[in-house]
Protein backbone atom coordinates (compact mmCIF):
# COMPACT_ATOMS: atom_id res chain seq x y z
CA MET A 1 -11.26 -10.76 -12.97
CA ARG A 2 -7.54 -10.39 -12.20
CA THR A 3 -5.99 -10.91 -8.86
CA LYS A 4 -3.53 -8.48 -7.57
CA ALA A 5 -1.30 -8.86 -4.55
CA THR A 6 -1.67 -6.23 -1.76
CA LEU A 7 1.68 -4.48 -1.85
CA ALA A 8 1.70 -0.76 -2.19
CA ILE A 9 0.92 0.33 1.35
CA PRO A 10 2.17 -2.71 3.32
CA VAL A 11 5.47 -2.04 1.79
CA ILE A 12 5.60 1.16 3.82
CA VAL A 13 4.34 -0.43 6.94
CA LEU A 14 6.36 -3.60 6.83
CA GLY A 15 9.48 -2.44 5.02
CA ALA A 16 9.95 -3.65 1.45
CA ALA A 17 7.99 -6.77 1.91
CA ILE A 18 5.25 -8.59 0.01
CA LEU A 19 2.09 -9.28 1.95
CA TRP A 20 -0.34 -12.01 0.82
CA ARG A 21 -3.64 -12.41 2.50
CA SER A 22 -5.59 -15.59 2.39
CA PRO A 23 -9.38 -15.56 1.61
CA VAL A 24 -11.72 -15.19 4.62
CA ALA A 25 -12.78 -18.81 4.08
CA LEU A 26 -9.26 -20.01 4.79
CA SER A 27 -8.33 -19.56 8.45
CA ALA A 28 -5.70 -20.89 10.84
CA GLN A 29 -8.51 -22.33 13.05
CA ASP A 30 -9.60 -24.59 10.20
CA SER A 31 -6.15 -26.19 9.52
CA PRO A 32 -4.07 -28.70 11.51
CA ALA A 33 -1.75 -26.76 13.77
CA ALA A 34 2.02 -26.85 13.80
CA ILE A 35 2.06 -24.50 16.87
CA SER A 36 -1.00 -23.96 19.00
CA GLY A 37 -1.65 -22.13 22.30
CA VAL A 38 -3.54 -19.57 24.24
CA VAL A 39 -2.67 -15.87 24.61
CA SER A 40 -3.51 -14.42 27.98
CA SER A 41 -2.64 -11.67 30.42
CA LYS A 42 -3.24 -11.01 34.15
CA GLU A 43 -5.40 -8.04 33.21
CA GLU A 44 -7.64 -9.66 30.57
CA GLY A 45 -7.32 -13.39 30.84
CA PRO A 46 -7.60 -15.03 27.45
CA MET A 47 -7.08 -12.36 24.78
CA GLU A 48 -8.78 -12.06 21.42
CA GLY A 49 -7.20 -10.24 18.52
CA VAL A 50 -3.45 -10.72 19.31
CA VAL A 51 -1.35 -11.08 16.22
CA VAL A 52 1.02 -14.03 16.77
CA THR A 53 4.02 -14.38 14.33
CA ALA A 54 6.33 -17.20 13.76
CA ARG A 55 9.75 -17.08 11.97
CA ARG A 56 11.80 -20.14 11.29
CA SER A 57 15.51 -19.87 11.87
CA GLY A 58 17.23 -18.78 8.61
CA ALA A 59 13.91 -18.12 6.79
CA ASN A 60 13.15 -15.07 4.74
CA PHE A 61 9.49 -14.90 5.66
CA THR A 62 7.12 -14.81 8.60
CA VAL A 63 3.65 -16.32 9.20
CA SER A 64 1.05 -14.54 11.34
CA VAL A 65 -2.30 -15.53 12.73
CA VAL A 66 -4.76 -13.84 15.14
CA SER A 67 -5.99 -15.24 18.40
CA ASP A 68 -9.78 -15.97 18.55
CA ALA A 69 -12.36 -15.17 21.26
CA ARG A 70 -10.96 -17.90 23.52
CA GLY A 71 -7.45 -16.50 23.19
CA ARG A 72 -6.42 -19.52 21.05
CA PHE A 73 -4.10 -19.31 18.14
CA ASN A 74 -3.20 -21.96 15.58
CA LEU A 75 -0.17 -21.59 13.31
CA PRO A 76 -1.01 -24.11 10.53
CA ARG A 77 1.15 -26.97 9.23
CA THR A 78 0.35 -25.75 5.68
CA HIS A 79 2.58 -22.79 6.33
CA LEU A 80 5.19 -24.01 8.82
CA GLU A 81 7.68 -26.72 7.96
CA PRO A 82 9.66 -28.59 10.61
CA GLY A 83 12.36 -26.46 12.23
CA THR A 84 13.07 -24.03 15.12
CA TYR A 85 10.92 -21.01 15.32
CA THR A 86 10.84 -17.68 17.20
CA LEU A 87 7.43 -16.37 18.22
CA THR A 88 6.55 -12.74 18.53
CA MET A 89 3.31 -10.95 19.05
CA LYS A 90 1.51 -7.68 18.60
CA ALA A 91 -1.17 -6.27 20.96
CA THR A 92 -0.99 -2.59 21.71
CA GLY A 93 -0.31 -2.07 25.38
CA TYR A 94 1.35 -5.41 25.95
CA ASP A 95 4.70 -7.15 25.70
CA LEU A 96 5.55 -10.81 25.54
CA ALA A 97 6.78 -11.96 28.93
CA GLY A 98 9.53 -14.05 27.33
CA LEU A 99 9.68 -17.22 25.39
CA ASP A 100 12.22 -19.76 24.32
CA PRO A 101 12.43 -20.96 20.69
CA VAL A 102 9.78 -23.37 19.61
CA THR A 103 10.53 -26.64 17.77
CA VAL A 104 8.09 -27.87 15.13
CA ALA A 105 8.10 -31.55 14.19
CA ALA A 106 6.45 -33.12 11.15
CA ARG A 107 2.81 -34.07 11.59
CA LYS A 108 2.77 -32.98 15.20
CA THR A 109 1.34 -30.03 17.12
CA THR A 110 3.60 -28.15 19.48
CA THR A 111 1.67 -26.46 22.31
CA ARG A 112 3.01 -23.13 23.59
CA ASP A 113 0.97 -20.64 25.53
CA LEU A 114 1.93 -16.98 25.48
CA ALA A 115 1.84 -14.78 28.61
CA LEU A 116 1.60 -11.05 28.03
CA VAL A 117 2.44 -8.20 30.45
CA LYS A 118 1.55 -4.58 30.39
CA THR A 119 4.09 -2.61 28.42
CA LYS A 120 6.01 0.26 30.14
CA ASP A 121 5.81 2.49 27.08
CA PRO A 122 2.68 2.02 24.93
CA SER A 123 3.50 5.00 22.78
CA ARG A 124 6.09 2.99 20.80
CA GLN A 125 3.37 0.54 19.77
CA LEU A 126 0.86 3.05 18.31
CA ALA A 127 0.02 3.28 14.65
CA SER A 128 -0.38 6.69 13.02
CA ARG A 129 -4.14 6.34 13.20
CA ASP A 130 -3.95 5.86 16.96
CA TRP A 131 -1.82 9.05 17.18
CA ALA A 132 -4.26 10.96 14.98
CA LEU A 133 -7.22 9.90 17.12
CA SER A 134 -5.32 10.83 20.24
CA MET A 135 -3.81 14.24 19.45
CA PRO A 136 -5.83 17.41 20.14
CA GLY A 137 -6.74 19.95 17.54
CA THR A 138 -9.58 20.79 15.18
CA ASP A 139 -10.75 18.31 12.58
CA GLU A 140 -9.32 20.64 9.88
CA GLN A 141 -5.92 20.70 11.52
CA LYS A 142 -5.73 16.99 11.78
CA ARG A 143 -7.06 16.53 8.24
CA LYS A 144 -4.28 18.76 6.84
CA THR A 145 -1.77 16.73 8.72
CA VAL A 146 -3.01 13.18 7.96
CA MET A 147 -5.47 13.35 5.03
CA VAL A 148 -3.75 15.40 2.36
CA GLY A 149 -2.55 13.64 -0.72
CA LEU A 150 1.05 13.74 0.41
CA SER A 151 0.97 13.71 4.24
CA CYS A 152 3.62 13.03 6.82
CA THR A 153 2.25 9.52 7.21
CA TYR A 154 2.88 8.69 3.61
CA CYS A 155 6.49 8.06 4.49
CA HIS A 156 6.70 7.50 8.23
CA SER A 157 4.69 7.22 11.44
CA LEU A 158 3.32 10.25 13.30
CA GLU A 159 5.35 8.94 16.26
CA ARG A 160 8.45 10.59 14.98
CA ILE A 161 6.73 14.02 14.89
CA LEU A 162 4.89 13.80 18.19
CA LYS A 163 7.96 12.63 20.10
CA SER A 164 10.07 15.43 18.62
CA THR A 165 10.91 18.61 20.59
CA HIS A 166 10.79 21.11 17.65
CA ASN A 167 9.15 24.48 18.06
CA ALA A 168 7.16 25.91 15.09
CA GLU A 169 10.17 27.83 13.77
CA GLN A 170 12.36 24.76 13.92
CA PHE A 171 9.71 22.62 12.18
CA VAL A 172 9.73 24.67 9.00
CA PRO A 173 13.22 23.58 7.72
CA VAL A 174 12.40 19.99 8.80
CA ILE A 175 9.34 20.10 6.58
CA THR A 176 11.40 21.56 3.77
CA ARG A 177 13.94 18.81 4.12
CA MET A 178 11.16 16.18 3.92
CA ALA A 179 10.00 17.75 0.70
CA ARG A 180 13.42 17.11 -0.76
CA TYR A 181 12.94 13.38 -0.50
CA PHE A 182 11.16 11.11 -2.96
CA GLU A 183 7.69 10.45 -1.52
CA ASP A 184 7.58 6.67 -1.85
CA GLY A 185 9.63 4.62 0.62
CA SER A 186 11.88 7.56 1.46
CA ALA A 187 11.57 6.97 5.23
CA LEU A 188 10.59 3.92 7.25
CA PRO A 189 10.04 2.80 10.84
CA THR A 190 12.93 3.20 13.25
CA GLY A 191 15.31 0.26 13.13
CA THR A 192 14.94 -0.53 9.48
CA SER A 193 17.75 -0.26 6.95
CA ARG A 194 15.66 0.36 3.81
CA ALA A 195 16.33 3.07 1.30
CA ARG A 196 15.81 6.78 1.82
CA ALA A 197 15.90 8.34 -1.65
CA MET A 198 16.53 12.01 -2.03
CA LEU A 199 15.32 13.76 -5.11
CA LYS A 200 17.94 14.22 -7.85
CA GLU A 201 16.15 16.74 -10.17
CA LYS A 202 17.53 20.17 -9.52
CA GLU A 203 14.18 21.76 -10.43
CA ARG A 204 12.26 19.75 -7.83
CA LEU A 205 14.88 20.31 -5.19
CA ALA A 206 14.84 24.02 -5.84
CA ALA A 207 11.03 24.10 -5.70
CA ALA A 208 11.04 22.23 -2.34
CA GLU A 209 13.29 24.97 -0.92
CA LYS A 210 11.44 27.96 -2.33
CA SER A 211 7.84 26.87 -2.00
CA PRO A 212 6.02 28.13 1.17
CA ASN A 213 3.60 25.19 0.77
CA TRP A 214 3.83 21.61 1.93
CA PHE A 215 1.03 20.13 -0.20
CA GLY A 216 -1.82 21.78 -2.05
CA ASP A 217 -2.87 24.85 -0.05
CA VAL A 218 -1.34 23.63 3.26
CA THR A 219 1.59 25.97 4.06
CA LYS A 220 4.71 24.80 5.85
CA ALA A 221 4.15 27.55 8.48
CA GLU A 222 0.59 26.45 9.08
CA LEU A 223 1.60 22.75 9.49
CA ALA A 224 4.60 23.72 11.67
CA SER A 225 2.48 25.82 14.08
CA TYR A 226 0.05 22.96 14.63
CA LEU A 227 2.67 20.23 15.04
CA ALA A 228 4.50 22.34 17.69
CA THR A 229 1.33 22.27 19.80
CA VAL A 230 1.07 18.52 19.92
CA ASN A 231 4.62 17.31 20.23
CA LEU A 232 7.12 17.43 23.17
CA ASN A 233 8.03 21.03 22.51
CA GLY A 234 8.80 22.33 26.06
CA ARG A 235 7.40 19.16 27.62
CA THR A 236 8.68 15.84 28.97
CA GLU A 237 5.48 13.98 28.54
CA SER A 238 2.76 13.84 25.84
CA PRO A 239 0.23 16.66 26.45
CA PHE A 240 -2.68 14.29 25.69
CA PRO A 241 -3.85 10.83 26.69
CA LEU A 242 -3.15 8.03 24.23
CA LYS A 243 -6.11 6.25 22.51
CA THR A 244 -5.82 2.92 20.78
CA LEU A 245 -8.06 1.08 18.38
CA PRO A 246 -9.62 -2.11 19.60
CA ARG A 247 -7.89 -5.37 18.59
CA PRO A 248 -9.34 -7.40 15.74
CA SER A 249 -12.29 -9.57 16.64
CA GLY A 250 -14.74 -12.05 15.11
CA ILE A 251 -14.17 -12.68 11.41
CA ALA A 252 -11.12 -10.39 11.47
CA THR A 253 -9.25 -13.04 13.43
CA ARG A 254 -9.80 -15.72 10.77
CA VAL A 255 -6.79 -14.86 8.56
CA ILE A 256 -3.27 -16.05 7.73
CA VAL A 257 -0.75 -13.43 6.69
CA THR A 258 2.63 -14.38 5.14
CA THR A 259 5.24 -11.69 4.74
CA TRP A 260 8.37 -12.15 2.61
CA GLU A 261 11.43 -9.89 2.88
CA ILE A 262 12.93 -8.75 -0.41
CA PRO A 263 16.63 -9.64 -0.22
CA ARG A 264 18.04 -6.22 -1.17
CA LYS A 265 18.08 -3.82 1.75
CA ASP A 266 17.61 -0.80 -0.54
CA ALA A 267 14.47 -2.28 -2.19
CA VAL A 268 11.54 0.12 -2.56
CA ALA A 269 8.84 -2.04 -4.16
CA HIS A 270 5.56 -0.39 -5.00
CA ASP A 271 3.10 -2.77 -6.66
CA ALA A 272 2.62 -6.46 -7.45
CA ASP A 273 0.67 -8.68 -9.80
CA VAL A 274 0.22 -12.46 -9.97
CA ASP A 275 0.90 -14.63 -12.97
CA SER A 276 -0.84 -17.86 -14.03
CA LYS A 277 1.65 -19.95 -11.99
CA GLY A 278 0.95 -18.07 -8.79
CA ARG A 279 4.21 -16.20 -8.82
CA ILE A 280 4.16 -12.67 -7.52
CA TRP A 281 5.88 -10.07 -9.76
CA TYR A 282 6.84 -6.75 -8.22
CA ASN A 283 8.28 -3.50 -9.57
CA GLU A 284 10.96 -1.23 -8.02
CA GLU A 285 11.28 2.47 -7.38
CA ASN A 286 14.88 2.49 -6.20
CA SER A 287 16.53 0.14 -8.81
CA TRP A 288 16.26 -0.73 -12.45
CA VAL A 289 15.07 -4.21 -11.88
CA VAL A 290 11.86 -6.30 -11.97
CA GLY A 291 11.42 -9.04 -9.42
CA VAL A 292 9.40 -12.20 -8.89
CA LEU A 293 8.61 -14.18 -5.76
CA ASN A 294 7.82 -17.92 -5.91
CA PRO A 295 5.70 -18.33 -2.82
CA GLN A 296 5.92 -22.18 -3.04
CA THR A 297 9.71 -22.13 -2.69
CA ASN A 298 10.10 -18.72 -0.91
CA THR A 299 12.67 -17.67 -3.41
CA PHE A 300 13.22 -14.35 -5.09
CA THR A 301 14.59 -13.63 -8.56
CA GLU A 302 15.37 -10.24 -9.93
CA TYR A 303 16.10 -9.30 -13.58
CA PRO A 304 17.90 -6.13 -14.74
CA LEU A 305 15.82 -3.90 -16.99
CA GLU A 306 18.07 -3.66 -20.00
CA PRO A 307 18.37 -1.83 -22.33
CA ALA A 308 15.91 0.61 -20.71
CA GLU A 309 16.64 4.32 -21.14
CA ARG A 310 17.56 5.26 -17.55
CA ASP A 311 16.31 8.47 -16.12
CA PRO A 312 19.03 9.99 -13.90
CA GLY A 313 16.47 11.48 -11.58
CA ILE A 314 14.63 8.38 -10.38
CA ALA A 315 14.61 4.67 -11.08
CA GLY A 316 12.04 2.02 -11.89
CA SER A 317 8.21 2.25 -12.03
CA ARG A 318 5.15 2.57 -9.87
CA ASP A 319 2.96 -0.01 -11.48
CA ILE A 320 3.22 -3.56 -12.90
CA MET A 321 0.74 -5.56 -15.01
CA VAL A 322 0.93 -9.29 -15.95
CA ASP A 323 -1.04 -10.24 -19.05
CA LYS A 324 -2.68 -13.63 -19.74
CA GLN A 325 0.45 -14.90 -21.46
CA ASP A 326 2.49 -13.96 -18.29
CA ASN A 327 4.30 -11.05 -20.03
CA VAL A 328 5.12 -8.36 -17.61
CA TRP A 329 4.34 -4.78 -18.42
CA LEU A 330 6.13 -1.85 -16.70
CA PRO A 331 5.63 1.97 -17.00
CA LEU A 332 9.30 2.87 -16.51
CA ARG A 333 9.89 6.29 -15.05
CA LYS A 334 10.98 9.13 -17.33
CA GLY A 335 10.91 12.68 -16.01
CA SER A 336 7.49 13.38 -14.53
CA GLY A 337 5.86 10.59 -16.60
CA ALA A 338 6.65 7.05 -17.74
CA VAL A 339 7.13 4.91 -20.88
CA LEU A 340 5.53 1.48 -21.14
CA HIS A 341 7.87 -1.49 -21.58
CA LYS A 342 7.13 -5.20 -22.05
CA PHE A 343 9.31 -7.72 -20.28
CA ASP A 344 9.25 -11.30 -21.58
CA PRO A 345 10.03 -13.64 -18.65
CA THR A 346 10.93 -16.52 -21.05
CA THR A 347 13.50 -14.66 -23.17
CA LYS A 348 14.33 -12.02 -20.51
CA THR A 349 14.00 -9.32 -23.18
CA LEU A 350 12.64 -5.81 -22.58
CA THR A 351 10.72 -4.00 -25.36
CA LYS A 352 9.95 -0.26 -25.26
CA VAL A 353 6.38 0.59 -26.47
CA GLU A 354 6.78 3.70 -28.70
CA GLY A 355 4.10 6.37 -28.26
CA THR A 356 3.33 5.84 -24.65
CA GLU A 357 5.52 8.51 -23.13
CA GLY A 358 3.61 10.86 -20.90
CA ALA A 359 0.48 8.59 -20.80
CA GLY A 360 0.73 8.14 -17.01
CA ALA A 361 2.38 5.97 -14.34
CA PHE A 362 -0.45 3.40 -13.93
CA GLY A 363 -2.31 1.02 -16.19
CA ASP A 364 -4.35 -2.15 -16.54
CA VAL A 365 -4.81 -5.20 -18.66
CA SER A 366 -8.16 -5.47 -20.46
CA PRO A 367 -10.52 -8.21 -19.26
CA ASP A 368 -10.19 -10.06 -22.62
CA GLY A 369 -6.41 -9.98 -22.37
CA ALA A 370 -5.98 -8.43 -25.81
CA HIS A 371 -4.78 -5.01 -24.62
CA VAL A 372 -2.72 -3.41 -21.92
CA TRP A 373 -3.32 0.18 -21.05
CA LEU A 374 -1.12 2.92 -19.77
CA GLY A 375 -3.42 5.69 -18.74
CA PHE A 376 -5.77 6.38 -21.72
CA VAL A 377 -3.33 4.88 -24.29
CA ARG A 378 -4.20 1.36 -25.49
CA VAL A 379 -1.49 -1.16 -26.59
CA ASP A 380 -1.93 -4.41 -28.49
CA VAL A 381 -0.54 -7.23 -26.37
CA LYS A 382 0.65 -9.33 -29.31
CA THR A 383 2.43 -6.51 -31.23
CA ALA A 384 3.46 -4.27 -28.26
CA LYS A 385 2.32 -1.32 -30.39
CA VAL A 386 -0.19 1.50 -29.62
CA ASP A 387 -3.50 0.91 -31.36
CA GLY A 388 -5.57 3.58 -29.62
CA ASP A 389 -4.81 6.95 -27.97
CA PHE A 390 -7.73 8.48 -26.05
CA ARG A 391 -5.93 11.24 -24.26
CA LYS A 392 -7.83 13.98 -26.27
CA PRO A 393 -11.51 13.03 -26.33
CA ALA A 394 -13.73 14.93 -28.72
CA ASN A 395 -15.54 16.76 -25.93
CA ILE A 396 -12.58 17.76 -23.76
CA GLN A 397 -11.66 21.38 -23.31
CA PRO A 398 -9.22 22.78 -25.91
CA GLY A 399 -5.63 22.39 -24.86
CA ARG A 400 -6.45 19.78 -22.24
CA GLN A 401 -6.08 16.03 -22.28
CA ALA A 402 -7.47 13.10 -20.31
CA GLY A 403 -5.13 12.00 -17.49
CA GLY A 404 -5.36 10.35 -14.20
CA TYR A 405 -3.82 8.41 -11.35
CA GLY A 406 -5.11 4.88 -10.95
CA PHE A 407 -6.62 3.09 -13.99
CA ALA A 408 -8.83 0.15 -14.74
CA VAL A 409 -10.64 -1.13 -17.87
CA ASN A 410 -14.20 -2.60 -18.13
CA THR A 411 -15.44 -5.42 -20.29
CA LYS A 412 -16.37 -2.92 -23.01
CA GLY A 413 -12.79 -1.90 -23.35
CA ASN A 414 -13.41 1.51 -21.82
CA PRO A 415 -10.66 2.95 -19.61
CA TYR A 416 -11.46 4.68 -16.21
CA GLY A 417 -9.11 6.67 -14.05
CA THR A 418 -8.96 8.66 -10.84
CA ASP A 419 -8.26 12.44 -10.95
CA PHE A 420 -6.21 12.59 -7.81
CA MET A 421 -6.01 16.36 -7.47
CA GLY A 422 -9.40 17.06 -9.00
CA SER A 423 -11.30 14.75 -6.66
CA ARG A 424 -13.23 12.96 -9.41
CA ILE A 425 -13.30 9.84 -11.54
CA LEU A 426 -13.12 9.99 -15.34
CA GLY A 427 -13.82 7.52 -18.08
CA VAL A 428 -13.62 7.54 -21.83
CA ASP A 429 -16.07 5.75 -24.18
CA VAL A 430 -13.70 4.43 -26.85
CA ARG A 431 -16.60 4.07 -29.36
CA THR A 432 -17.64 7.74 -29.28
CA ASN A 433 -14.29 9.14 -27.94
CA GLU A 434 -16.06 11.11 -25.31
CA ILE A 435 -15.11 11.69 -21.70
CA THR A 436 -17.27 11.75 -18.62
CA TYR A 437 -16.52 12.95 -15.13
CA TRP A 438 -17.93 11.83 -11.78
CA PRO A 439 -17.03 14.07 -8.73
CA THR A 440 -16.47 12.57 -5.35
CA ARG A 441 -18.64 13.69 -2.41
CA GLN A 442 -16.14 16.13 -1.02
CA GLN A 443 -13.26 18.32 -2.35
CA ASP A 444 -9.65 17.25 -1.61
CA ALA A 445 -10.78 13.64 -1.52
CA TYR A 446 -7.72 12.38 -3.52
CA PRO A 447 -9.15 9.26 -5.07
CA ARG A 448 -6.33 6.79 -5.81
CA ARG A 449 -6.33 3.15 -7.01
CA GLY A 450 -8.77 0.24 -7.55
CA ARG A 451 -10.01 -2.51 -9.84
CA ILE A 452 -13.03 -3.24 -12.00
CA ASP A 453 -15.04 -6.37 -11.21
CA ALA A 454 -16.86 -8.79 -13.62
CA GLN A 455 -19.98 -6.66 -13.31
CA ASP A 456 -18.07 -3.56 -14.59
CA ARG A 457 -18.07 -1.85 -11.19
CA PHE A 458 -14.96 0.23 -10.48
CA TRP A 459 -13.99 -0.21 -6.84
CA LEU A 460 -11.44 2.35 -5.54
CA GLY A 461 -9.89 3.84 -2.42
CA ILE A 462 -10.79 7.49 -1.71
CA TYR A 463 -7.73 8.47 0.32
CA GLY A 464 -8.56 11.94 1.65
CA GLY A 465 -12.31 11.21 1.78
CA ASP A 466 -11.75 8.21 4.14
CA ALA A 467 -13.98 6.14 1.94
CA ILE A 468 -14.32 3.21 -0.39
CA GLY A 469 -15.91 4.16 -3.71
CA MET A 470 -17.82 2.15 -6.33
CA LEU A 471 -18.61 3.52 -9.80
CA ASP A 472 -21.01 1.36 -11.77
CA THR A 473 -19.64 1.97 -15.29
CA LYS A 474 -22.87 0.68 -16.84
CA THR A 475 -25.16 3.17 -15.06
CA GLY A 476 -22.82 5.89 -14.06
CA ASP A 477 -23.86 5.65 -10.39
CA LEU A 478 -21.13 6.48 -7.88
CA LYS A 479 -21.46 5.26 -4.29
CA GLU A 480 -19.19 5.84 -1.30
CA TRP A 481 -18.82 4.00 2.01
CA LYS A 482 -17.15 5.97 4.76
CA MET A 483 -14.57 4.21 6.93
CA PRO A 484 -15.94 3.53 10.43
CA THR A 485 -12.87 5.06 12.04
CA PRO A 486 -11.38 8.40 10.92
CA PHE A 487 -7.87 8.71 9.44
CA THR A 488 -7.96 5.31 7.72
CA THR A 489 -6.73 6.78 4.39
CA PRO A 490 -7.64 3.85 2.08
CA TYR A 491 -5.09 3.71 -0.76
CA THR A 492 -6.86 1.22 -2.99
CA ALA A 493 -9.71 -1.28 -3.10
CA THR A 494 -10.13 -4.87 -4.31
CA VAL A 495 -13.16 -6.18 -6.10
CA PRO A 496 -15.60 -8.12 -3.86
CA ASP A 497 -14.46 -11.63 -2.96
CA ARG A 498 -16.83 -14.62 -3.02
CA ASN A 499 -18.21 -13.55 0.40
CA GLY A 500 -18.83 -10.00 -0.73
CA TYR A 501 -15.90 -8.40 1.15
CA VAL A 502 -13.81 -5.54 -0.36
CA TYR A 503 -10.32 -5.13 1.02
CA SER A 504 -8.23 -2.00 1.28
CA SER A 505 -4.74 -1.11 2.55
CA SER A 506 -4.00 1.98 4.69
CA ASN A 507 -1.10 4.40 5.15
CA THR A 508 -1.95 4.98 8.79
CA SER A 509 -3.53 1.98 10.57
CA GLU A 510 -1.09 -0.93 9.91
CA ARG A 511 -4.23 -2.96 9.14
């Protein structure tokens, strides 16, 4: 079972950062505190579910914990070294009344209570899922705004749209302009200075201008007409009351989150994987580099990807895999596809794997560590050469080939992928060279990424279906669990942890 850092969606929420969550069993309440206190307000008294964040002066990372049912928070000594810290908090509807810097001394607990006051403008604190739950309209209108495979929330918050003053006619060229930007990391929350990458391919730019559609069968005019009914078009105040999700409670408060900032301001990291030393390797979509974070020293190192053939249209890759020998494998972008490359961290050499072009953008390392896969193409780890191509199974339709979005490999060495636009999962039996399809419960479900556990169960995020899926690759049974709150848009799913919990990241909820 491989561990993979949660990066792809938090990078959008937090801005080119790496997010590392501790297991549920590890919590701030169980560790000796460097800073401890109670969060309270006049309206609620002690407050549960408030995210309290500490940042040491000059540090490149923050540490966050969540207050418990008594309003108490403990920022642990295991994560905070001596120094001067600034405390901030997040609780929708509230602001921090004001707080001086906090000094942390070795082997001592600094006590500092936090007083919260009602905010004057709660709208600036809402996540996209709050906005989606608040805004009026039919379920179909909201689904076509939030739940399509490439929605507005894939790049930025709905706040930008709902606070705009455009009418329907004015929205159309805005939507067209958005289609001219690369869909990953092209826009980020107000106040950030991260990259906004416009497409460079003339064909895609021309298509963005000419096409009447935004995504799939959703037309620009249809989307524009709806958005003009829910924004500030002709109004000075929002035409609907704001709803917010409840704050975390119970077991959700027993977590420590550390967020590191990638040094380059134009970084657009997409994925991450962990090597045998606990270092976090990440890929890039805005630069021809591969990076690594040492969480023990909080230091970043980036290596240029030379002599990679550089696509003039777009840089880097969307996936990264670390094998059992700590070699780093990257599907480097080329046109609409990718070519697999092997990066040796010891020699700093980059090797192109011939025969992998067009196999896909995502891959996996086999459980036995002998192979790395790019889509349905299998590569021998030792030789870095293709030793199996299963893109054209014996029972596939003539002229077609197996392809997908997210990929994972089971213990039998069989690859499984998600058919993003086809709303199904597919897998190939390498022994018989036959392909099998499993449709999701609904159309336009956009299944995305996931992992296969030690029991050969493929856990995945079903983005447009608002669900977590699990395909038992031994029996072929496919199960889905709907999210308890609409518009969650789960991007991926982990395998169950030792307590049976599966984790997923979201484009819309900042959770």
